[in-house]
Amino acid sequence: MSRTGLGWLAAVLLLLAGCSSSPTSDDVGMSGMPGMPTIGLPHESTPPVPAGNPLPGMPPVTDLRNVDAAAGAGKLSPEVAGDKPLVYVPHSGSGDVWVIDPATYQVVAKYPVGKELQHVVPSWDLRTLYATDDRGDQILPFDPKTGLPGRKIPVIDPYNMYFSPDGKYAISVAEARRKLVWYDPHTWQVHDETAAPDCAGIDHADFSADGRTAVFTCEFAGRVAVVDVVTHKLLRMIDMPHRNVRMGPQDIKLAPDGSVYYIADSDANGLWVLDGAATRVLRFIPTGKGAHGLYLSRDAKQLYVTNRHKGSVSVLDAYTGAPVTVWHIPGGGSPDMGNVTADGTQLWLSGRYNGVVYVLSTKDGTLLRTIPVGREPHGLCVWPQPGRYSLGHTGITR
């Protein structure tokens, strides 16, 4: 080809590259991580079949293409139909829970709890909400019918809390102690513990479609811990291709078809993609600075990724990880943890470093309201939530 032809071709390729840039591009990480394929690759793993050998006692999966189908818009169970619509905001800085009326966006109550509140977690049976105080070694139950707190319950280092898919155990994620503590969720007596000494910063989790496997992220170790739900044994550790050990792997979300896990890595500014069998990392998806929280739309077609240090939310295709759009919070911010409303029209997020709560429209990302709250709001809980049971965190329901 002539020198002129090569110049013309280069210009065309440059133009095409500019036109095809990812709509989820922020100003960081768009080249992906070194040596890792990005979102251009198709899925490399076959989704596990949830109906094959499900965890005994786990409610059956109703749709093999969408394990979250029972948590669709408006699918409230009879147990929660009469619950008071409220948003519970825990504060790591001020050690209390503020309660917001979502109809008026007004703070209607404030409850002191302890030292360092992290998350408000729905119980497996959807009948209690627990505010976790890791430094105080306690949880405070709330009655979702009234929004009122009960008596504190001693629990070891509950940075986060999950429930086994069969409802048999509450799992305290004891971050500072690098272990999981399995409780009877009715008596709150310790059943046993799972040591994870190589999982510094153990904090977030999600469960396989068949309910038999849990994957916990290790924020300060740049890896994840894979745990057998039946035996409570640590099966293996999986390192991320680039191990970030300051603010590394954080929230994790199973794809609706169970094919992969998405793992938010704050220092990587995007998501690692782990295969559905939890054996190897497949690729990397860049989103924005401080990728942190992961939430599904009510139809499970979109995945919302909070970019805490960028002040934005990346919207991805929940099945493929392909970029859809980016929602920017006007003036910036620090979107952290939260959830989608029962009808699917709003995404509520704590503004971790700004002392506010953001309410975004899931239609187009419009910021509907910014609500001033206390110091360091963290894992807020929007209630009620659709679904048959809760796996914990801020309301992972299926």
Foldseek 3Di string as FASTA:
>chain_A
DDPVVVVVVVVVVVVVCVVPQAQLDDPDQSVPDPPFDALVDFFPFDFDALPPAFDPQFPGQPDLLFSLLQQFFPQADPLFPQFQFWKWWAFQCQQKIWIARVVVRDTDDIGHDDHGWAAWKQAFQRQWTWTDDQVVQWIWIAGRNVRHIDDIDGHHRQNFWFAQSNRQWIWRCNQVQQKIFTARVPPRDTDDIEHHPQQHRFDEWDAASSRQWIWTHRQQRQWIWIAGSVVRYTDDIAHDPDRDRPGAWAYWDQQRNLQWIWTFTQCSQWTWTAGSVRDYTRGTYHRGHGFHDWAAFSNSQWIWTFRFVFQKIWIAGSHSRRGDHMAHDVPGFGFHAEYAASNRQWTWTDRQQPQWIWIAGPVRRDTPDIGHHDHGTHHMAGPDTGARTARIGNGDHD
